[in-house]
Structures are given as structure tokens and as C-alpha cells.
Amino acid sequence: GPIPEPGRLPPAHVPPPCPKSGAGGLAGTVASIRRVFGRMGFTDREMVALIGAHALGRCHPEASGYSGPWTRAPTTFSNMFFTELLENKWTLKKWDGPEQFEDPTGQLMMLPSDMALLWDKSFREVVEEYAKDEPKFFGDFAAAFQKLLELGVQFA
């Protein structure tokens, strides 16, 4: 359909939220990532690069229901999201909030969609690459983010 403004899809095309483990599990979460990003023309590599922006910021329970930062340096753009994802032992957090994972200290968190990057072979290969090669992550992120910002823009 028509795109009402550059880079935005009409509200009717907003995808449903990622399923919880009880409603599709790993396969449902991986499929949701590919459905959301794939409809915008992103490859698996670009999907992983964009999700790597989780290196920045934190989740706020009053906004999303989720709680906590992904890294110990949430104001620094780096490949730390990928190194934390690979190097920590993540367990399902026991709490009344939405399903999320925590590191052994309980200070860091990962969403089910973040964990899916480890569980899916194609995604995991890219995660491992970015954990070892920050400049590669930076370059791929810049290109994918530019593609995201330019979605729907008509260039002369």
C-alpha cells in the first residue's frame, strides 16, 4: 500500500508482538524477527546489526514492562551487546513481568528476541562475528541504519 511518510508504514501494518515461549517458543520468536525486519527488506545480517543497537539504553518497566540494561555501558555504542550475549550464562528471570532473561548478577537483561540471535544458526554466526570485530559491526550497522531511515523515501 501507499507509504504516508518516508520510512513509516501505515498503522494497519504494525506486526503483532513477539510470541512468548508458551505461544510459539523459539521458532515463533525467530519467525517474528524475520517477519518484522524481512517485510522491510532486511537480510539476516542487517537484522542482527540493527538489533545490536541494544548496546545503548535500557528497558523501563513503565514503558515496556521489561526492566534493565543490556550492557554495563548503556550510554556507549559498541559491540558489547554481542559480547555480553555470548559470554554470559543467561537464565529466565523469575518475576511477575514479561518473559526476559538475566545474567548471573541479575543486573543485565536480554529479551527473548535477543536470545533468539544465539539460538538461530544464521543469526548466531553474525553475532559471533560482531563480538570479535567491532569495526565490522559499526560498518554493517551504519549501512543497515541508513537503509532503515531511507525506507519509503523517493530519491530524485
N, C-alpha and C. Protein backbone atom coordinates (compact mmCIF):
# COMPACT_ATOMS: atom_id res chain seq x y z
N GLY A 1 0.80 -1.18 0.00
CA GLY A 1 0.00 0.00 0.00
C GLY A 1 0.85 1.25 0.00
N PRO A 2 0.22 2.41 -0.08
CA PRO A 2 0.97 3.66 -0.08
C PRO A 2 1.64 3.90 1.26
N ILE A 3 2.78 4.54 1.23
CA ILE A 3 3.51 4.88 2.44
C ILE A 3 3.23 6.35 2.73
N PRO A 4 2.57 6.67 3.86
CA PRO A 4 2.14 8.04 4.11
C PRO A 4 3.26 9.03 4.38
N GLU A 5 4.38 8.58 4.91
CA GLU A 5 5.51 9.46 5.13
C GLU A 5 6.77 8.62 5.01
N PRO A 6 7.89 9.22 4.65
CA PRO A 6 9.11 8.44 4.46
C PRO A 6 9.46 7.57 5.65
N GLY A 7 9.70 6.30 5.36
CA GLY A 7 10.17 5.38 6.39
C GLY A 7 9.10 4.84 7.32
N ARG A 8 7.87 5.22 7.17
CA ARG A 8 6.82 4.78 8.07
C ARG A 8 5.81 3.92 7.32
N LEU A 9 5.36 2.86 7.98
CA LEU A 9 4.30 2.05 7.41
C LEU A 9 2.98 2.46 8.02
N PRO A 10 1.89 2.33 7.27
CA PRO A 10 0.59 2.65 7.84
C PRO A 10 0.33 1.79 9.08
N PRO A 11 -0.43 2.31 10.06
CA PRO A 11 -0.68 1.58 11.30
C PRO A 11 -1.26 0.18 11.09
N ALA A 12 -2.01 -0.04 10.04
CA ALA A 12 -2.60 -1.35 9.80
C ALA A 12 -1.52 -2.42 9.59
N HIS A 13 -0.28 -2.01 9.29
CA HIS A 13 0.78 -2.97 9.02
C HIS A 13 1.71 -3.19 10.19
N VAL A 14 1.35 -2.69 11.38
CA VAL A 14 2.19 -2.91 12.56
C VAL A 14 2.06 -4.38 12.94
N PRO A 15 3.18 -5.10 13.04
CA PRO A 15 3.10 -6.52 13.33
C PRO A 15 2.72 -6.78 14.79
N PRO A 16 2.18 -7.96 15.06
CA PRO A 16 1.88 -8.30 16.46
C PRO A 16 3.18 -8.45 17.25
N PRO A 17 3.11 -8.36 18.58
CA PRO A 17 4.33 -8.52 19.38
C PRO A 17 4.89 -9.93 19.26
N CYS A 18 6.18 -10.08 19.58
CA CYS A 18 6.80 -11.39 19.56
C CYS A 18 6.07 -12.32 20.51
N PRO A 19 5.91 -13.58 20.12
CA PRO A 19 5.22 -14.53 21.00
C PRO A 19 6.10 -14.89 22.18
N LYS A 20 5.45 -15.28 23.29
CA LYS A 20 6.17 -15.77 24.46
C LYS A 20 6.46 -17.26 24.24
N SER A 21 7.27 -17.82 25.11
CA SER A 21 7.66 -19.23 24.96
C SER A 21 6.46 -20.15 24.86
N GLY A 22 5.41 -19.83 25.60
CA GLY A 22 4.23 -20.69 25.57
C GLY A 22 3.42 -20.56 24.30
N ALA A 23 3.71 -19.56 23.47
CA ALA A 23 2.91 -19.32 22.28
C ALA A 23 3.78 -19.24 21.04
N GLY A 24 4.58 -20.24 20.82
CA GLY A 24 5.41 -20.27 19.62
C GLY A 24 6.86 -20.54 19.91
N GLY A 25 7.30 -20.29 21.13
CA GLY A 25 8.65 -20.60 21.55
C GLY A 25 9.71 -19.98 20.65
N LEU A 26 10.84 -20.64 20.60
CA LEU A 26 11.98 -20.18 19.81
C LEU A 26 11.60 -19.97 18.35
N ALA A 27 10.96 -20.95 17.77
CA ALA A 27 10.61 -20.83 16.35
C ALA A 27 9.72 -19.62 16.11
N GLY A 28 8.79 -19.37 17.02
CA GLY A 28 7.91 -18.22 16.87
C GLY A 28 8.65 -16.91 17.00
N THR A 29 9.62 -16.85 17.93
CA THR A 29 10.38 -15.62 18.13
C THR A 29 11.27 -15.34 16.92
N VAL A 30 11.98 -16.36 16.44
CA VAL A 30 12.83 -16.20 15.26
C VAL A 30 11.98 -15.80 14.06
N ALA A 31 10.84 -16.46 13.88
CA ALA A 31 9.95 -16.14 12.76
C ALA A 31 9.45 -14.69 12.87
N SER A 32 9.18 -14.25 14.09
CA SER A 32 8.71 -12.88 14.29
C SER A 32 9.78 -11.86 13.90
N ILE A 33 11.03 -12.11 14.29
CA ILE A 33 12.13 -11.21 13.91
C ILE A 33 12.22 -11.13 12.40
N ARG A 34 12.20 -12.28 11.75
CA ARG A 34 12.32 -12.30 10.29
C ARG A 34 11.11 -11.67 9.61
N ARG A 35 9.94 -11.82 10.19
CA ARG A 35 8.73 -11.23 9.61
C ARG A 35 8.79 -9.70 9.73
N VAL A 36 9.13 -9.20 10.92
CA VAL A 36 9.16 -7.76 11.15
C VAL A 36 10.21 -7.08 10.28
N PHE A 37 11.43 -7.59 10.32
CA PHE A 37 12.52 -6.96 9.56
C PHE A 37 12.47 -7.35 8.08
N GLY A 38 12.07 -8.57 7.80
CA GLY A 38 12.04 -9.06 6.43
C GLY A 38 11.06 -8.29 5.56
N ARG A 39 9.94 -7.87 6.11
CA ARG A 39 8.95 -7.12 5.31
C ARG A 39 9.49 -5.77 4.89
N MET A 40 10.58 -5.35 5.54
CA MET A 40 11.23 -4.08 5.16
C MET A 40 12.44 -4.33 4.28
N GLY A 41 12.68 -5.61 3.93
CA GLY A 41 13.75 -5.93 3.00
C GLY A 41 15.11 -6.15 3.64
N PHE A 42 15.16 -6.39 4.95
CA PHE A 42 16.44 -6.61 5.62
C PHE A 42 16.87 -8.06 5.56
N THR A 43 18.18 -8.27 5.40
CA THR A 43 18.78 -9.60 5.44
C THR A 43 18.99 -9.99 6.90
N ASP A 44 19.33 -11.26 7.14
CA ASP A 44 19.64 -11.71 8.50
C ASP A 44 20.78 -10.87 9.09
N ARG A 45 21.80 -10.61 8.31
CA ARG A 45 22.94 -9.81 8.79
C ARG A 45 22.49 -8.41 9.20
N GLU A 46 21.65 -7.79 8.39
CA GLU A 46 21.16 -6.44 8.72
C GLU A 46 20.26 -6.47 9.95
N MET A 47 19.48 -7.54 10.10
CA MET A 47 18.63 -7.68 11.28
C MET A 47 19.48 -7.72 12.55
N VAL A 48 20.52 -8.55 12.54
CA VAL A 48 21.39 -8.66 13.70
C VAL A 48 22.10 -7.34 13.97
N ALA A 49 22.56 -6.67 12.92
CA ALA A 49 23.23 -5.38 13.10
C ALA A 49 22.30 -4.38 13.77
N LEU A 50 21.06 -4.29 13.30
CA LEU A 50 20.12 -3.32 13.88
C LEU A 50 19.76 -3.67 15.33
N ILE A 51 19.58 -4.94 15.62
CA ILE A 51 19.28 -5.34 16.99
C ILE A 51 20.47 -5.04 17.90
N GLY A 52 21.67 -4.97 17.32
CA GLY A 52 22.86 -4.61 18.10
C GLY A 52 22.78 -3.22 18.70
N ALA A 53 21.83 -2.41 18.28
CA ALA A 53 21.63 -1.10 18.90
C ALA A 53 21.20 -1.25 20.36
N HIS A 54 20.85 -2.47 20.77
CA HIS A 54 20.55 -2.72 22.18
C HIS A 54 21.77 -2.50 23.06
N ALA A 55 22.93 -2.26 22.47
CA ALA A 55 24.10 -1.86 23.25
C ALA A 55 23.80 -0.56 23.99
N LEU A 56 22.88 0.21 23.46
CA LEU A 56 22.51 1.51 24.04
C LEU A 56 21.23 1.39 24.86
N GLY A 57 21.19 2.09 25.96
CA GLY A 57 19.96 2.23 26.71
C GLY A 57 19.61 1.06 27.60
N ARG A 58 18.37 1.07 28.01
CA ARG A 58 17.85 0.06 28.92
C ARG A 58 16.34 -0.02 28.75
N CYS A 59 15.74 -1.05 29.29
CA CYS A 59 14.29 -1.17 29.29
C CYS A 59 13.74 -0.56 30.57
N HIS A 60 12.61 0.12 30.45
CA HIS A 60 11.95 0.74 31.58
C HIS A 60 10.60 0.07 31.77
N PRO A 61 10.35 -0.51 32.94
CA PRO A 61 9.10 -1.26 33.13
C PRO A 61 7.83 -0.45 32.89
N GLU A 62 7.87 0.85 33.19
CA GLU A 62 6.68 1.66 32.97
C GLU A 62 6.40 1.90 31.49
N ALA A 63 7.42 1.71 30.64
CA ALA A 63 7.24 1.92 29.21
C ALA A 63 6.97 0.62 28.46
N SER A 64 7.71 -0.44 28.81
CA SER A 64 7.61 -1.68 28.04
C SER A 64 7.25 -2.90 28.88
N GLY A 65 7.35 -2.77 30.18
CA GLY A 65 7.15 -3.93 31.05
C GLY A 65 8.47 -4.63 31.36
N TYR A 66 9.45 -4.48 30.48
CA TYR A 66 10.78 -5.08 30.68
C TYR A 66 11.61 -4.16 31.56
N SER A 67 12.66 -4.74 32.19
CA SER A 67 13.45 -3.94 33.11
C SER A 67 14.93 -4.26 33.00
N GLY A 68 15.75 -3.21 32.84
CA GLY A 68 17.19 -3.36 32.93
C GLY A 68 17.94 -3.03 31.66
N PRO A 69 19.26 -2.87 31.81
CA PRO A 69 20.13 -2.60 30.66
C PRO A 69 20.63 -3.91 30.03
N TRP A 70 21.07 -3.80 28.79
CA TRP A 70 21.67 -4.95 28.09
C TRP A 70 23.17 -5.04 28.38
N THR A 71 23.80 -3.90 28.67
CA THR A 71 25.25 -3.88 28.89
C THR A 71 25.56 -3.03 30.12
N ARG A 72 26.81 -3.10 30.56
CA ARG A 72 27.25 -2.29 31.70
C ARG A 72 27.66 -0.88 31.28
N ALA A 73 27.58 -0.60 30.00
CA ALA A 73 27.91 0.74 29.48
C ALA A 73 26.78 1.20 28.55
N PRO A 74 25.58 1.42 29.11
CA PRO A 74 24.42 1.68 28.26
C PRO A 74 24.40 3.03 27.54
N THR A 75 25.42 3.84 27.75
CA THR A 75 25.50 5.11 27.01
C THR A 75 26.61 5.08 25.97
N THR A 76 27.18 3.89 25.73
CA THR A 76 28.29 3.74 24.79
C THR A 76 27.88 2.81 23.65
N PHE A 77 27.97 3.30 22.43
CA PHE A 77 27.69 2.44 21.27
C PHE A 77 28.93 1.60 21.01
N SER A 78 28.77 0.29 21.09
CA SER A 78 29.88 -0.64 20.94
C SER A 78 29.33 -2.00 20.53
N ASN A 79 30.22 -2.98 20.45
CA ASN A 79 29.77 -4.35 20.18
C ASN A 79 29.51 -5.12 21.48
N MET A 80 29.44 -4.41 22.59
CA MET A 80 29.28 -5.05 23.90
C MET A 80 27.99 -5.87 24.01
N PHE A 81 26.94 -5.47 23.33
CA PHE A 81 25.71 -6.27 23.33
C PHE A 81 26.03 -7.70 22.89
N PHE A 82 26.84 -7.84 21.85
CA PHE A 82 27.17 -9.16 21.31
C PHE A 82 28.10 -9.94 22.23
N THR A 83 29.08 -9.25 22.83
CA THR A 83 29.99 -9.96 23.74
C THR A 83 29.24 -10.39 25.00
N GLU A 84 28.38 -9.55 25.53
CA GLU A 84 27.57 -9.94 26.70
C GLU A 84 26.68 -11.12 26.36
N LEU A 85 26.05 -11.06 25.20
CA LEU A 85 25.14 -12.12 24.77
C LEU A 85 25.86 -13.47 24.73
N LEU A 86 27.08 -13.47 24.20
CA LEU A 86 27.84 -14.72 24.07
C LEU A 86 28.52 -15.17 25.35
N GLU A 87 29.02 -14.24 26.14
CA GLU A 87 29.88 -14.60 27.26
C GLU A 87 29.14 -14.86 28.57
N ASN A 88 27.92 -14.40 28.70
CA ASN A 88 27.17 -14.61 29.93
C ASN A 88 26.34 -15.88 29.87
N LYS A 89 26.03 -16.39 31.05
CA LYS A 89 25.09 -17.51 31.17
C LYS A 89 23.74 -16.88 31.48
N TRP A 90 22.82 -16.96 30.55
CA TRP A 90 21.52 -16.31 30.67
C TRP A 90 20.48 -17.29 31.17
N THR A 91 19.70 -16.87 32.14
CA THR A 91 18.61 -17.69 32.66
C THR A 91 17.32 -16.87 32.64
N LEU A 92 16.21 -17.59 32.59
CA LEU A 92 14.91 -16.94 32.60
C LEU A 92 14.71 -16.26 33.95
N LYS A 93 14.37 -14.98 33.93
CA LYS A 93 14.18 -14.22 35.16
C LYS A 93 12.87 -14.66 35.82
N LYS A 94 12.92 -14.88 37.12
CA LYS A 94 11.73 -15.25 37.88
C LYS A 94 11.14 -13.98 38.48
N TRP A 95 10.07 -13.50 37.85
CA TRP A 95 9.40 -12.28 38.31
C TRP A 95 8.02 -12.21 37.71
N ASP A 96 7.27 -11.18 38.07
CA ASP A 96 5.90 -11.04 37.58
C ASP A 96 5.80 -10.30 36.26
N GLY A 97 6.94 -9.84 35.72
CA GLY A 97 6.95 -9.10 34.47
C GLY A 97 6.96 -10.02 33.26
N PRO A 98 7.09 -9.43 32.07
CA PRO A 98 7.14 -10.23 30.85
C PRO A 98 8.41 -11.09 30.80
N GLU A 99 8.36 -12.12 30.00
CA GLU A 99 9.49 -13.04 29.88
C GLU A 99 10.75 -12.32 29.43
N GLN A 100 11.79 -12.39 30.25
CA GLN A 100 13.10 -11.85 29.90
C GLN A 100 14.15 -12.70 30.58
N PHE A 101 15.39 -12.53 30.15
CA PHE A 101 16.50 -13.30 30.68
C PHE A 101 17.42 -12.39 31.46
N GLU A 102 18.17 -12.97 32.42
CA GLU A 102 19.11 -12.19 33.21
C GLU A 102 20.45 -12.90 33.28
N ASP A 103 21.50 -12.11 33.50
CA ASP A 103 22.84 -12.66 33.68
C ASP A 103 22.96 -13.15 35.12
N PRO A 104 24.07 -13.83 35.48
CA PRO A 104 24.20 -14.36 36.84
C PRO A 104 24.12 -13.31 37.95
N THR A 105 24.45 -12.05 37.66
CA THR A 105 24.38 -10.99 38.67
C THR A 105 22.97 -10.44 38.83
N GLY A 106 22.10 -10.68 37.84
CA GLY A 106 20.76 -10.10 37.86
C GLY A 106 20.75 -8.64 37.45
N GLN A 107 21.90 -8.11 37.03
CA GLN A 107 21.99 -6.70 36.67
C GLN A 107 21.73 -6.44 35.19
N LEU A 108 22.00 -7.42 34.33
CA LEU A 108 21.80 -7.26 32.89
C LEU A 108 20.63 -8.12 32.43
N MET A 109 20.02 -7.70 31.34
CA MET A 109 18.88 -8.44 30.81
C MET A 109 19.00 -8.65 29.31
N MET A 110 18.29 -9.63 28.83
CA MET A 110 18.11 -9.87 27.40
C MET A 110 16.65 -10.23 27.17
N LEU A 111 16.13 -9.77 26.06
CA LEU A 111 14.77 -10.10 25.65
C LEU A 111 14.77 -11.46 24.96
N PRO A 112 13.62 -12.12 24.86
CA PRO A 112 13.58 -13.37 24.10
C PRO A 112 14.08 -13.18 22.67
N SER A 113 13.80 -12.03 22.06
CA SER A 113 14.27 -11.77 20.70
C SER A 113 15.79 -11.63 20.65
N ASP A 114 16.41 -11.16 21.74
CA ASP A 114 17.87 -11.11 21.80
C ASP A 114 18.44 -12.53 21.89
N MET A 115 17.84 -13.35 22.74
CA MET A 115 18.30 -14.73 22.90
C MET A 115 18.14 -15.52 21.62
N ALA A 116 17.13 -15.20 20.83
CA ALA A 116 16.92 -15.88 19.56
C ALA A 116 18.11 -15.71 18.63
N LEU A 117 18.88 -14.62 18.82
CA LEU A 117 20.07 -14.42 18.00
C LEU A 117 21.13 -15.48 18.29
N LEU A 118 21.08 -16.07 19.47
CA LEU A 118 22.00 -17.17 19.80
C LEU A 118 21.47 -18.50 19.32
N TRP A 119 20.17 -18.68 19.38
CA TRP A 119 19.56 -19.97 19.11
C TRP A 119 19.41 -20.28 17.63
N ASP A 120 19.35 -19.25 16.80
CA ASP A 120 19.23 -19.45 15.36
C ASP A 120 20.64 -19.47 14.75
N LYS A 121 20.96 -20.51 13.97
CA LYS A 121 22.31 -20.68 13.43
C LYS A 121 22.77 -19.49 12.58
N SER A 122 21.92 -19.01 11.69
CA SER A 122 22.28 -17.90 10.81
C SER A 122 22.54 -16.62 11.61
N PHE A 123 21.66 -16.33 12.56
CA PHE A 123 21.85 -15.15 13.40
C PHE A 123 23.11 -15.28 14.25
N ARG A 124 23.31 -16.46 14.83
CA ARG A 124 24.44 -16.65 15.74
C ARG A 124 25.78 -16.43 15.05
N GLU A 125 25.90 -16.87 13.80
CA GLU A 125 27.15 -16.66 13.06
C GLU A 125 27.50 -15.18 12.98
N VAL A 126 26.50 -14.34 12.78
CA VAL A 126 26.72 -12.90 12.70
C VAL A 126 27.05 -12.34 14.08
N VAL A 127 26.34 -12.80 15.11
CA VAL A 127 26.62 -12.38 16.49
C VAL A 127 28.08 -12.65 16.83
N GLU A 128 28.55 -13.85 16.52
CA GLU A 128 29.94 -14.22 16.82
C GLU A 128 30.93 -13.33 16.06
N GLU A 129 30.61 -13.04 14.82
CA GLU A 129 31.47 -12.16 14.03
C GLU A 129 31.54 -10.76 14.64
N TYR A 130 30.40 -10.20 14.99
CA TYR A 130 30.37 -8.85 15.56
C TYR A 130 31.03 -8.79 16.94
N ALA A 131 30.93 -9.86 17.71
CA ALA A 131 31.57 -9.88 19.03
C ALA A 131 33.09 -9.79 18.90
N LYS A 132 33.62 -10.33 17.81
CA LYS A 132 35.07 -10.32 17.58
C LYS A 132 35.55 -9.11 16.80
N ASP A 133 34.66 -8.46 16.06
CA ASP A 133 35.08 -7.42 15.12
C ASP A 133 34.16 -6.20 15.21
N GLU A 134 34.46 -5.32 16.17
CA GLU A 134 33.63 -4.13 16.37
C GLU A 134 33.57 -3.24 15.14
N PRO A 135 34.69 -2.97 14.44
CA PRO A 135 34.60 -2.14 13.23
C PRO A 135 33.65 -2.74 12.17
N LYS A 136 33.62 -4.04 12.04
CA LYS A 136 32.70 -4.68 11.10
C LYS A 136 31.25 -4.42 11.52
N PHE A 137 30.98 -4.56 12.83
CA PHE A 137 29.64 -4.26 13.33
C PHE A 137 29.29 -2.80 13.04
N PHE A 138 30.20 -1.88 13.33
CA PHE A 138 29.93 -0.46 13.09
C PHE A 138 29.58 -0.20 11.62
N GLY A 139 30.35 -0.76 10.72
CA GLY A 139 30.10 -0.56 9.29
C GLY A 139 28.77 -1.14 8.85
N ASP A 140 28.50 -2.37 9.29
CA ASP A 140 27.23 -3.00 8.91
C ASP A 140 26.05 -2.28 9.54
N PHE A 141 26.20 -1.84 10.79
CA PHE A 141 25.12 -1.11 11.44
C PHE A 141 24.83 0.19 10.70
N ALA A 142 25.87 0.92 10.35
CA ALA A 142 25.69 2.20 9.65
C ALA A 142 24.92 1.99 8.35
N ALA A 143 25.28 0.96 7.59
CA ALA A 143 24.60 0.70 6.32
C ALA A 143 23.14 0.28 6.54
N ALA A 144 22.91 -0.59 7.53
CA ALA A 144 21.54 -1.06 7.80
C ALA A 144 20.68 0.07 8.36
N PHE A 145 21.26 0.91 9.21
CA PHE A 145 20.50 2.03 9.78
C PHE A 145 20.16 3.05 8.70
N GLN A 146 21.08 3.29 7.78
CA GLN A 146 20.78 4.18 6.67
C GLN A 146 19.62 3.62 5.85
N LYS A 147 19.67 2.31 5.58
CA LYS A 147 18.59 1.66 4.83
C LYS A 147 17.26 1.82 5.57
N LEU A 148 17.28 1.67 6.89
CA LEU A 148 16.07 1.83 7.70
C LEU A 148 15.53 3.25 7.60
N LEU A 149 16.42 4.23 7.73
CA LEU A 149 15.99 5.62 7.67
C LEU A 149 15.45 6.02 6.31
N GLU A 150 15.93 5.38 5.26
CA GLU A 150 15.53 5.73 3.91
C GLU A 150 14.36 4.92 3.38
N LEU A 151 13.80 4.03 4.19
CA LEU A 151 12.65 3.24 3.74
C LEU A 151 11.54 4.16 3.28
N GLY A 152 11.06 3.94 2.10
CA GLY A 152 9.94 4.70 1.57
C GLY A 152 10.30 6.07 1.00
N VAL A 153 11.55 6.47 1.11
CA VAL A 153 11.95 7.79 0.61
C VAL A 153 12.14 7.67 -0.91
N GLN A 154 11.52 8.59 -1.62
CA GLN A 154 11.66 8.63 -3.07
C GLN A 154 12.81 9.59 -3.43
N PHE A 155 13.89 9.04 -3.95
CA PHE A 155 15.01 9.88 -4.35
C PHE A 155 14.83 10.28 -5.81
N ALA A 156 15.21 11.52 -6.12
CA ALA A 156 15.03 12.04 -7.48
C ALA A 156 15.99 11.37 -8.45
